[in-house]
Amino acid sequence: MIFTNENEFSLPLRVFMISQSDLLKMILEQFKVSKTGVHGPSHWARVKHHGMVIGAKVGADLEVVNLFAFLHDSQRENEYSDPEHGLRAAKYAKQLNHVFFELRYDQMSLLTKALEGHSMGDVHTNPTIQTCWDADRLDLGRVGIKPAPEFLSKEGQKWIDFAYEWSVTGKVPSHHEVNS
């Protein structure tokens, strides 16, 4: 499944108190690093795509996965070493909840855990958290790294070649095949 525009992978409006595009605009307005850099919106879009595809297969909470895609690198202070950006993103998400979107306590807990740990190199047994981490790791090609299978779920491992090609070339691969 390849998404070609926002309408194809939009979530029900009930999770958003404002439109998703307004939320994204607000996140971008406060974003401190280059919008065209390796942690900017083009990365977020690929993370969202990977997360929606994998999450649908494994039964992840797609509302959490969707928000993770936009928030996980939103609090970076630079493109390089910033080990605290996940913690700052989790705090930022807590500030936005009940103002810009509406997540239940259990969903917010999943989102904050995913944000806090997304760059630690861990694996997780929760399908939502691991889907978030898979989605981000599958886009490592943008910095010249092919994702390592041992840091991905079984479902995420199927997408390594597809995701790597997309990350490296910036173009969605024309083939829709994944490793079975």
N, C-alpha and C. Protein backbone atom coordinates (compact mmCIF):
# COMPACT_ATOMS: atom_id res chain seq x y z
N MET A 1 0.84 -1.16 0.00
CA MET A 1 0.00 0.00 0.00
C MET A 1 0.90 1.24 0.00
N ILE A 2 0.69 2.13 -0.92
CA ILE A 2 1.44 3.37 -1.00
C ILE A 2 0.44 4.51 -0.91
N PHE A 3 0.77 5.49 -0.08
CA PHE A 3 -0.10 6.64 0.08
C PHE A 3 0.45 7.77 -0.78
N THR A 4 -0.41 8.37 -1.55
CA THR A 4 0.06 9.42 -2.43
C THR A 4 -0.38 10.81 -2.02
N ASN A 5 -1.36 10.89 -1.16
CA ASN A 5 -1.74 12.20 -0.66
C ASN A 5 -2.32 12.07 0.73
N GLU A 6 -2.43 13.19 1.42
CA GLU A 6 -2.84 13.16 2.82
C GLU A 6 -4.20 12.52 3.02
N ASN A 7 -5.13 12.71 2.11
CA ASN A 7 -6.47 12.16 2.28
C ASN A 7 -6.49 10.64 2.33
N GLU A 8 -5.53 9.99 1.71
CA GLU A 8 -5.50 8.54 1.69
C GLU A 8 -5.11 7.94 3.03
N PHE A 9 -4.45 8.72 3.88
CA PHE A 9 -4.06 8.15 5.15
C PHE A 9 -4.41 9.07 6.31
N SER A 10 -5.45 9.87 6.13
CA SER A 10 -5.92 10.71 7.21
C SER A 10 -6.66 9.86 8.23
N LEU A 11 -6.60 10.30 9.45
CA LEU A 11 -7.31 9.62 10.52
C LEU A 11 -8.61 10.34 10.80
N PRO A 12 -9.52 9.70 11.49
CA PRO A 12 -10.77 10.36 11.83
C PRO A 12 -10.50 11.67 12.56
N LEU A 13 -11.29 12.68 12.28
CA LEU A 13 -11.09 14.01 12.84
C LEU A 13 -11.27 14.03 14.35
N ARG A 14 -11.93 13.02 14.92
CA ARG A 14 -12.21 13.04 16.35
C ARG A 14 -10.95 13.15 17.20
N VAL A 15 -9.82 12.64 16.71
CA VAL A 15 -8.60 12.73 17.49
C VAL A 15 -8.04 14.15 17.49
N PHE A 16 -8.39 14.95 16.51
CA PHE A 16 -7.86 16.30 16.38
C PHE A 16 -8.89 17.34 16.76
N MET A 17 -8.49 18.24 17.64
CA MET A 17 -9.35 19.35 18.01
C MET A 17 -9.20 20.46 16.97
N ILE A 18 -8.10 20.45 16.25
CA ILE A 18 -7.89 21.31 15.10
C ILE A 18 -7.55 20.38 13.95
N SER A 19 -7.46 20.90 12.75
CA SER A 19 -7.14 20.02 11.63
C SER A 19 -5.70 19.54 11.73
N GLN A 20 -5.45 18.40 11.13
CA GLN A 20 -4.09 17.85 11.13
C GLN A 20 -3.14 18.80 10.43
N SER A 21 -3.57 19.45 9.37
CA SER A 21 -2.67 20.38 8.67
C SER A 21 -2.36 21.60 9.55
N ASP A 22 -3.32 22.05 10.36
CA ASP A 22 -3.05 23.15 11.28
C ASP A 22 -2.08 22.72 12.38
N LEU A 23 -2.22 21.49 12.85
CA LEU A 23 -1.28 20.96 13.84
C LEU A 23 0.12 20.92 13.25
N LEU A 24 0.25 20.41 12.04
CA LEU A 24 1.55 20.34 11.39
C LEU A 24 2.14 21.74 11.20
N LYS A 25 1.32 22.68 10.81
CA LYS A 25 1.79 24.07 10.63
C LYS A 25 2.34 24.62 11.95
N MET A 26 1.63 24.37 13.04
CA MET A 26 2.05 24.84 14.34
C MET A 26 3.38 24.18 14.75
N ILE A 27 3.51 22.88 14.50
CA ILE A 27 4.76 22.18 14.81
C ILE A 27 5.91 22.77 14.00
N LEU A 28 5.67 23.02 12.73
CA LEU A 28 6.71 23.57 11.87
C LEU A 28 7.13 24.98 12.29
N GLU A 29 6.18 25.77 12.78
CA GLU A 29 6.50 27.14 13.19
C GLU A 29 7.50 27.19 14.34
N GLN A 30 7.46 26.18 15.20
CA GLN A 30 8.39 26.18 16.34
C GLN A 30 9.62 25.29 16.10
N PHE A 31 9.68 24.61 14.96
CA PHE A 31 10.75 23.67 14.63
C PHE A 31 12.07 24.44 14.50
N LYS A 32 13.11 23.99 15.21
CA LYS A 32 14.37 24.74 15.29
C LYS A 32 15.41 24.38 14.25
N VAL A 33 15.30 23.20 13.63
CA VAL A 33 16.32 22.80 12.64
C VAL A 33 15.76 22.99 11.23
N SER A 34 16.58 22.75 10.25
CA SER A 34 16.19 22.99 8.86
C SER A 34 14.99 22.14 8.45
N LYS A 35 14.02 22.80 7.87
CA LYS A 35 12.83 22.09 7.38
C LYS A 35 13.17 21.20 6.18
N THR A 36 14.31 21.43 5.57
CA THR A 36 14.74 20.58 4.46
C THR A 36 15.85 19.62 4.88
N GLY A 37 16.13 19.57 6.16
CA GLY A 37 17.17 18.69 6.68
C GLY A 37 16.69 17.26 6.84
N VAL A 38 17.57 16.42 7.37
CA VAL A 38 17.28 14.99 7.49
C VAL A 38 16.26 14.65 8.56
N HIS A 39 15.92 15.60 9.43
CA HIS A 39 14.92 15.36 10.47
C HIS A 39 13.66 16.18 10.25
N GLY A 40 13.46 16.69 9.05
CA GLY A 40 12.33 17.56 8.76
C GLY A 40 11.11 16.85 8.19
N PRO A 41 10.20 17.62 7.63
CA PRO A 41 8.90 17.12 7.18
C PRO A 41 8.94 15.98 6.16
N SER A 42 9.93 15.94 5.28
CA SER A 42 9.97 14.82 4.33
C SER A 42 10.24 13.51 5.08
N HIS A 43 11.07 13.57 6.11
CA HIS A 43 11.31 12.41 6.97
C HIS A 43 10.02 12.04 7.70
N TRP A 44 9.32 13.02 8.24
CA TRP A 44 8.07 12.76 8.98
C TRP A 44 7.05 12.07 8.08
N ALA A 45 6.98 12.49 6.82
CA ALA A 45 6.02 11.88 5.89
C ALA A 45 6.34 10.41 5.65
N ARG A 46 7.63 10.09 5.47
CA ARG A 46 8.00 8.69 5.28
C ARG A 46 7.74 7.88 6.55
N VAL A 47 8.03 8.46 7.70
CA VAL A 47 7.76 7.79 8.98
C VAL A 47 6.26 7.53 9.10
N LYS A 48 5.45 8.50 8.74
CA LYS A 48 4.00 8.30 8.81
C LYS A 48 3.58 7.15 7.88
N HIS A 49 4.07 7.15 6.68
CA HIS A 49 3.71 6.09 5.73
C HIS A 49 4.08 4.73 6.29
N HIS A 50 5.33 4.58 6.69
CA HIS A 50 5.78 3.29 7.22
C HIS A 50 4.96 2.88 8.44
N GLY A 51 4.70 3.83 9.31
CA GLY A 51 3.92 3.54 10.51
C GLY A 51 2.49 3.11 10.22
N MET A 52 1.86 3.76 9.27
CA MET A 52 0.48 3.41 8.93
C MET A 52 0.41 2.02 8.31
N VAL A 53 1.35 1.70 7.44
CA VAL A 53 1.36 0.39 6.79
C VAL A 53 1.64 -0.72 7.80
N ILE A 54 2.72 -0.57 8.55
CA ILE A 54 3.08 -1.59 9.53
C ILE A 54 2.03 -1.66 10.64
N GLY A 55 1.62 -0.51 11.13
CA GLY A 55 0.64 -0.47 12.22
C GLY A 55 -0.67 -1.15 11.88
N ALA A 56 -1.12 -0.99 10.64
CA ALA A 56 -2.36 -1.65 10.22
C ALA A 56 -2.20 -3.17 10.24
N LYS A 57 -1.00 -3.65 9.93
CA LYS A 57 -0.75 -5.10 9.90
C LYS A 57 -0.64 -5.70 11.30
N VAL A 58 -0.11 -4.94 12.25
CA VAL A 58 0.16 -5.50 13.58
C VAL A 58 -0.86 -5.09 14.64
N GLY A 59 -1.83 -4.28 14.25
CA GLY A 59 -2.86 -3.86 15.21
C GLY A 59 -2.43 -2.75 16.14
N ALA A 60 -1.52 -1.90 15.68
CA ALA A 60 -1.08 -0.76 16.48
C ALA A 60 -2.18 0.30 16.55
N ASP A 61 -2.08 1.17 17.52
CA ASP A 61 -2.98 2.31 17.63
C ASP A 61 -2.53 3.35 16.61
N LEU A 62 -3.27 3.49 15.53
CA LEU A 62 -2.84 4.35 14.43
C LEU A 62 -2.91 5.83 14.78
N GLU A 63 -3.73 6.21 15.73
CA GLU A 63 -3.75 7.61 16.17
C GLU A 63 -2.41 7.96 16.82
N VAL A 64 -1.91 7.08 17.64
CA VAL A 64 -0.62 7.29 18.30
C VAL A 64 0.50 7.29 17.26
N VAL A 65 0.48 6.34 16.35
CA VAL A 65 1.52 6.24 15.31
C VAL A 65 1.53 7.51 14.46
N ASN A 66 0.37 7.99 14.10
CA ASN A 66 0.25 9.20 13.30
C ASN A 66 0.88 10.40 14.01
N LEU A 67 0.54 10.60 15.26
CA LEU A 67 1.09 11.73 16.00
C LEU A 67 2.59 11.57 16.23
N PHE A 68 3.03 10.35 16.47
CA PHE A 68 4.46 10.10 16.62
C PHE A 68 5.23 10.60 15.40
N ALA A 69 4.72 10.33 14.22
CA ALA A 69 5.43 10.71 12.98
C ALA A 69 5.75 12.20 12.95
N PHE A 70 4.81 13.03 13.38
CA PHE A 70 5.01 14.48 13.34
C PHE A 70 5.78 15.02 14.54
N LEU A 71 5.70 14.31 15.65
CA LEU A 71 6.26 14.85 16.89
C LEU A 71 7.65 14.34 17.24
N HIS A 72 8.04 13.16 16.75
CA HIS A 72 9.24 12.51 17.27
C HIS A 72 10.53 13.32 17.13
N ASP A 73 10.69 14.09 16.09
CA ASP A 73 11.88 14.92 15.92
C ASP A 73 11.56 16.41 16.03
N SER A 74 10.36 16.73 16.44
CA SER A 74 9.91 18.13 16.45
C SER A 74 10.65 19.01 17.45
N GLN A 75 11.31 18.41 18.43
CA GLN A 75 11.99 19.20 19.45
C GLN A 75 13.52 19.13 19.35
N ARG A 76 13.99 18.72 18.20
CA ARG A 76 15.44 18.69 17.99
C ARG A 76 16.00 20.10 18.03
N GLU A 77 17.16 20.22 18.62
CA GLU A 77 17.85 21.51 18.65
C GLU A 77 18.94 21.58 17.60
N ASN A 78 19.30 20.41 17.04
CA ASN A 78 20.25 20.37 15.92
C ASN A 78 20.05 19.06 15.16
N GLU A 79 20.68 18.96 14.01
CA GLU A 79 20.53 17.79 13.15
C GLU A 79 21.41 16.62 13.58
N TYR A 80 22.33 16.86 14.47
CA TYR A 80 23.34 15.85 14.74
C TYR A 80 23.11 15.19 16.09
N SER A 81 23.91 15.47 17.06
CA SER A 81 23.77 14.83 18.36
C SER A 81 22.81 15.63 19.23
N ASP A 82 21.70 15.01 19.59
CA ASP A 82 20.72 15.66 20.45
C ASP A 82 19.99 14.57 21.24
N PRO A 83 20.67 13.96 22.21
CA PRO A 83 20.10 12.81 22.91
C PRO A 83 18.84 13.10 23.72
N GLU A 84 18.55 14.34 24.00
CA GLU A 84 17.37 14.69 24.81
C GLU A 84 16.14 15.04 23.98
N HIS A 85 16.24 14.97 22.64
CA HIS A 85 15.11 15.43 21.82
C HIS A 85 13.86 14.59 22.01
N GLY A 86 14.03 13.30 22.27
CA GLY A 86 12.86 12.44 22.50
C GLY A 86 12.13 12.80 23.79
N LEU A 87 12.88 13.10 24.83
CA LEU A 87 12.27 13.52 26.10
C LEU A 87 11.53 14.85 25.92
N ARG A 88 12.17 15.78 25.20
CA ARG A 88 11.51 17.07 24.94
C ARG A 88 10.25 16.88 24.09
N ALA A 89 10.31 15.97 23.13
CA ALA A 89 9.14 15.70 22.28
C ALA A 89 7.99 15.13 23.12
N ALA A 90 8.30 14.27 24.08
CA ALA A 90 7.26 13.72 24.95
C ALA A 90 6.61 14.81 25.79
N LYS A 91 7.42 15.72 26.33
CA LYS A 91 6.87 16.84 27.10
C LYS A 91 6.00 17.73 26.22
N TYR A 92 6.47 17.98 25.01
CA TYR A 92 5.72 18.80 24.05
C TYR A 92 4.38 18.14 23.73
N ALA A 93 4.38 16.85 23.51
CA ALA A 93 3.14 16.12 23.21
C ALA A 93 2.15 16.25 24.37
N LYS A 94 2.64 16.16 25.60
CA LYS A 94 1.77 16.31 26.77
C LYS A 94 1.14 17.71 26.81
N GLN A 95 1.91 18.71 26.41
CA GLN A 95 1.38 20.07 26.38
C GLN A 95 0.29 20.23 25.31
N LEU A 96 0.43 19.51 24.21
CA LEU A 96 -0.51 19.63 23.10
C LEU A 96 -1.80 18.83 23.33
N ASN A 97 -1.71 17.75 24.10
CA ASN A 97 -2.88 16.91 24.34
C ASN A 97 -3.95 17.72 25.07
N HIS A 98 -5.19 17.54 24.66
CA HIS A 98 -6.36 18.25 25.18
C HIS A 98 -6.41 19.71 24.74
N VAL A 99 -5.45 20.11 23.92
CA VAL A 99 -5.46 21.46 23.35
C VAL A 99 -5.59 21.36 21.82
N PHE A 100 -4.70 20.55 21.21
CA PHE A 100 -4.69 20.40 19.76
C PHE A 100 -5.19 19.04 19.28
N PHE A 101 -5.13 18.05 20.16
CA PHE A 101 -5.67 16.72 19.86
C PHE A 101 -6.13 16.12 21.17
N GLU A 102 -6.83 15.01 21.07
CA GLU A 102 -7.44 14.40 22.26
C GLU A 102 -7.07 12.92 22.32
N LEU A 103 -6.07 12.60 23.14
CA LEU A 103 -5.72 11.22 23.35
C LEU A 103 -6.14 10.80 24.76
N ARG A 104 -6.58 9.56 24.88
CA ARG A 104 -6.88 9.00 26.20
C ARG A 104 -5.56 8.80 26.96
N TYR A 105 -5.67 8.55 28.24
CA TYR A 105 -4.49 8.35 29.09
C TYR A 105 -3.60 7.22 28.55
N ASP A 106 -4.20 6.09 28.20
CA ASP A 106 -3.41 4.95 27.71
C ASP A 106 -2.72 5.27 26.39
N GLN A 107 -3.38 6.02 25.52
CA GLN A 107 -2.77 6.41 24.26
C GLN A 107 -1.61 7.38 24.50
N MET A 108 -1.82 8.33 25.41
CA MET A 108 -0.78 9.31 25.71
C MET A 108 0.43 8.62 26.32
N SER A 109 0.20 7.61 27.14
CA SER A 109 1.29 6.84 27.72
C SER A 109 2.11 6.14 26.63
N LEU A 110 1.44 5.54 25.66
CA LEU A 110 2.13 4.89 24.54
C LEU A 110 2.93 5.91 23.73
N LEU A 111 2.30 7.05 23.44
CA LEU A 111 2.98 8.08 22.65
C LEU A 111 4.22 8.59 23.37
N THR A 112 4.11 8.89 24.65
CA THR A 112 5.27 9.43 25.35
C THR A 112 6.39 8.39 25.46
N LYS A 113 6.04 7.14 25.69
CA LYS A 113 7.08 6.09 25.73
C LYS A 113 7.76 5.95 24.37
N ALA A 114 6.97 6.00 23.30
CA ALA A 114 7.54 5.89 21.96
C ALA A 114 8.45 7.07 21.66
N LEU A 115 8.02 8.27 22.02
CA LEU A 115 8.82 9.47 21.78
C LEU A 115 10.11 9.45 22.59
N GLU A 116 10.00 9.12 23.87
CA GLU A 116 11.16 9.13 24.76
C GLU A 116 12.23 8.13 24.31
N GLY A 117 11.82 6.98 23.81
CA GLY A 117 12.79 5.92 23.51
C GLY A 117 13.11 5.70 22.06
N HIS A 118 12.62 6.55 21.17
CA HIS A 118 12.73 6.23 19.74
C HIS A 118 14.15 6.22 19.20
N SER A 119 15.08 6.87 19.84
CA SER A 119 16.44 6.87 19.30
C SER A 119 17.42 6.10 20.18
N MET A 120 16.89 5.25 21.06
CA MET A 120 17.74 4.50 21.98
C MET A 120 18.23 3.18 21.40
N GLY A 121 17.65 2.70 20.33
CA GLY A 121 18.08 1.44 19.74
C GLY A 121 17.46 0.21 20.37
N ASP A 122 16.43 0.41 21.18
CA ASP A 122 15.76 -0.71 21.83
C ASP A 122 14.69 -1.32 20.93
N VAL A 123 14.20 -2.48 21.34
CA VAL A 123 13.00 -3.06 20.74
C VAL A 123 11.96 -3.16 21.85
N HIS A 124 10.70 -3.21 21.47
CA HIS A 124 9.63 -3.20 22.46
C HIS A 124 8.59 -4.25 22.12
N THR A 125 7.96 -4.81 23.12
CA THR A 125 6.93 -5.83 22.89
C THR A 125 5.57 -5.22 22.55
N ASN A 126 5.37 -3.95 22.86
CA ASN A 126 4.09 -3.32 22.53
C ASN A 126 4.06 -3.00 21.04
N PRO A 127 3.03 -3.45 20.31
CA PRO A 127 3.01 -3.24 18.86
C PRO A 127 2.94 -1.77 18.45
N THR A 128 2.32 -0.93 19.25
CA THR A 128 2.25 0.49 18.89
C THR A 128 3.60 1.16 19.04
N ILE A 129 4.25 0.93 20.16
CA ILE A 129 5.57 1.53 20.38
C ILE A 129 6.57 1.02 19.35
N GLN A 130 6.59 -0.30 19.12
CA GLN A 130 7.54 -0.84 18.15
C GLN A 130 7.23 -0.36 16.74
N THR A 131 5.96 -0.20 16.40
CA THR A 131 5.61 0.34 15.08
C THR A 131 6.18 1.74 14.92
N CYS A 132 6.07 2.57 15.94
CA CYS A 132 6.64 3.92 15.87
C CYS A 132 8.14 3.85 15.63
N TRP A 133 8.80 2.99 16.38
CA TRP A 133 10.26 2.87 16.24
C TRP A 133 10.63 2.28 14.90
N ASP A 134 9.89 1.28 14.43
CA ASP A 134 10.13 0.72 13.10
C ASP A 134 10.03 1.80 12.04
N ALA A 135 8.97 2.58 12.12
CA ALA A 135 8.70 3.60 11.10
C ALA A 135 9.85 4.59 11.00
N ASP A 136 10.37 5.00 12.14
CA ASP A 136 11.49 5.94 12.15
C ASP A 136 12.77 5.26 11.65
N ARG A 137 13.05 4.06 12.13
CA ARG A 137 14.28 3.34 11.75
C ARG A 137 14.30 2.96 10.28
N LEU A 138 13.13 2.71 9.72
CA LEU A 138 13.09 2.36 8.30
C LEU A 138 13.55 3.50 7.41
N ASP A 139 13.59 4.71 7.93
CA ASP A 139 14.02 5.86 7.13
C ASP A 139 15.48 6.23 7.39
N LEU A 140 16.26 5.33 7.93
CA LEU A 140 17.67 5.61 8.18
C LEU A 140 18.49 5.77 6.90
N GLY A 141 17.98 5.32 5.78
CA GLY A 141 18.68 5.49 4.51
C GLY A 141 18.97 6.94 4.20
N ARG A 142 18.18 7.84 4.72
CA ARG A 142 18.38 9.27 4.47
C ARG A 142 19.71 9.77 5.02
N VAL A 143 20.29 9.01 5.98
CA VAL A 143 21.60 9.36 6.54
C VAL A 143 22.64 8.29 6.20
N GLY A 144 22.35 7.49 5.18
CA GLY A 144 23.30 6.51 4.67
C GLY A 144 23.39 5.21 5.45
N ILE A 145 22.39 4.90 6.26
CA ILE A 145 22.40 3.68 7.06
C ILE A 145 21.25 2.78 6.61
N LYS A 146 21.58 1.55 6.29
CA LYS A 146 20.53 0.57 5.98
C LYS A 146 20.00 0.02 7.30
N PRO A 147 18.69 0.03 7.52
CA PRO A 147 18.14 -0.45 8.80
C PRO A 147 18.55 -1.89 9.09
N ALA A 148 18.90 -2.14 10.35
CA ALA A 148 19.31 -3.47 10.80
C ALA A 148 18.08 -4.25 11.25
N PRO A 149 17.88 -5.45 10.72
CA PRO A 149 16.69 -6.24 11.05
C PRO A 149 16.50 -6.50 12.55
N GLU A 150 17.59 -6.65 13.29
CA GLU A 150 17.46 -6.96 14.71
C GLU A 150 16.84 -5.84 15.53
N PHE A 151 16.73 -4.65 14.96
CA PHE A 151 16.10 -3.53 15.66
C PHE A 151 14.68 -3.26 15.17
N LEU A 152 14.16 -4.16 14.34
CA LEU A 152 12.83 -4.00 13.77
C LEU A 152 11.95 -5.19 14.13
N SER A 153 10.65 -4.97 14.10
CA SER A 153 9.71 -6.07 14.26
C SER A 153 9.78 -6.97 13.03
N LYS A 154 9.15 -8.12 13.11
CA LYS A 154 9.09 -9.03 11.95
C LYS A 154 8.43 -8.32 10.77
N GLU A 155 7.36 -7.58 11.03
CA GLU A 155 6.67 -6.86 9.96
C GLU A 155 7.56 -5.74 9.41
N GLY A 156 8.24 -5.02 10.28
CA GLY A 156 9.13 -3.95 9.84
C GLY A 156 10.27 -4.46 8.98
N GLN A 157 10.77 -5.65 9.31
CA GLN A 157 11.87 -6.24 8.54
C GLN A 157 11.49 -6.44 7.07
N LYS A 158 10.23 -6.68 6.81
CA LYS A 158 9.77 -6.91 5.43
C LYS A 158 9.92 -5.67 4.55
N TRP A 159 10.02 -4.51 5.16
CA TRP A 159 10.02 -3.25 4.43
C TRP A 159 11.40 -2.63 4.28
N ILE A 160 12.45 -3.30 4.74
CA ILE A 160 13.78 -2.69 4.73
C ILE A 160 14.20 -2.24 3.33
N ASP A 161 14.14 -3.11 2.34
CA ASP A 161 14.63 -2.74 1.00
C ASP A 161 13.79 -1.62 0.38
N PHE A 162 12.48 -1.73 0.50
CA PHE A 162 11.58 -0.70 -0.04
C PHE A 162 11.89 0.65 0.62
N ALA A 163 11.93 0.66 1.95
CA ALA A 163 12.14 1.90 2.69
C ALA A 163 13.52 2.50 2.41
N TYR A 164 14.52 1.63 2.34
CA TYR A 164 15.87 2.11 2.08
C TYR A 164 15.95 2.80 0.71
N GLU A 165 15.37 2.17 -0.29
CA GLU A 165 15.38 2.76 -1.63
C GLU A 165 14.69 4.13 -1.62
N TRP A 166 13.55 4.22 -0.95
CA TRP A 166 12.82 5.47 -0.88
C TRP A 166 13.64 6.53 -0.15
N SER A 167 14.25 6.16 0.97
CA SER A 167 15.05 7.11 1.76
C SER A 167 16.24 7.63 0.97
N VAL A 168 16.90 6.75 0.26
CA VAL A 168 18.12 7.13 -0.46
C VAL A 168 17.80 7.96 -1.70
N THR A 169 16.78 7.56 -2.45
CA THR A 169 16.48 8.26 -3.71
C THR A 169 15.52 9.43 -3.53
N GLY A 170 14.73 9.40 -2.47
CA GLY A 170 13.70 10.42 -2.28
C GLY A 170 12.47 10.18 -3.13
N LYS A 171 12.45 9.05 -3.84
CA LYS A 171 11.31 8.72 -4.69
C LYS A 171 10.71 7.41 -4.20
N VAL A 172 9.37 7.36 -4.19
CA VAL A 172 8.71 6.13 -3.79
C VAL A 172 9.03 5.06 -4.83
N PRO A 173 9.57 3.92 -4.41
CA PRO A 173 9.88 2.86 -5.38
C PRO A 173 8.63 2.45 -6.16
N SER A 174 8.82 2.19 -7.44
CA SER A 174 7.68 1.85 -8.28
C SER A 174 7.13 0.47 -7.96
N HIS A 175 7.95 -0.40 -7.40
CA HIS A 175 7.48 -1.73 -7.03
C HIS A 175 6.89 -1.69 -5.62
N HIS A 176 5.91 -2.50 -5.39
CA HIS A 176 5.25 -2.53 -4.09
C HIS A 176 5.55 -3.83 -3.36
N GLU A 177 6.58 -4.50 -3.79
CA GLU A 177 6.90 -5.79 -3.20
C GLU A 177 7.67 -5.60 -1.89
N VAL A 178 7.38 -6.47 -0.95
CA VAL A 178 8.14 -6.50 0.29
C VAL A 178 8.59 -7.93 0.49
N ASN A 179 9.59 -8.11 1.30
CA ASN A 179 10.06 -9.46 1.61
C ASN A 179 8.98 -10.18 2.40
N SER A 180 8.68 -11.39 2.02
CA SER A 180 7.63 -12.13 2.72
C SER A 180 8.12 -12.75 3.99
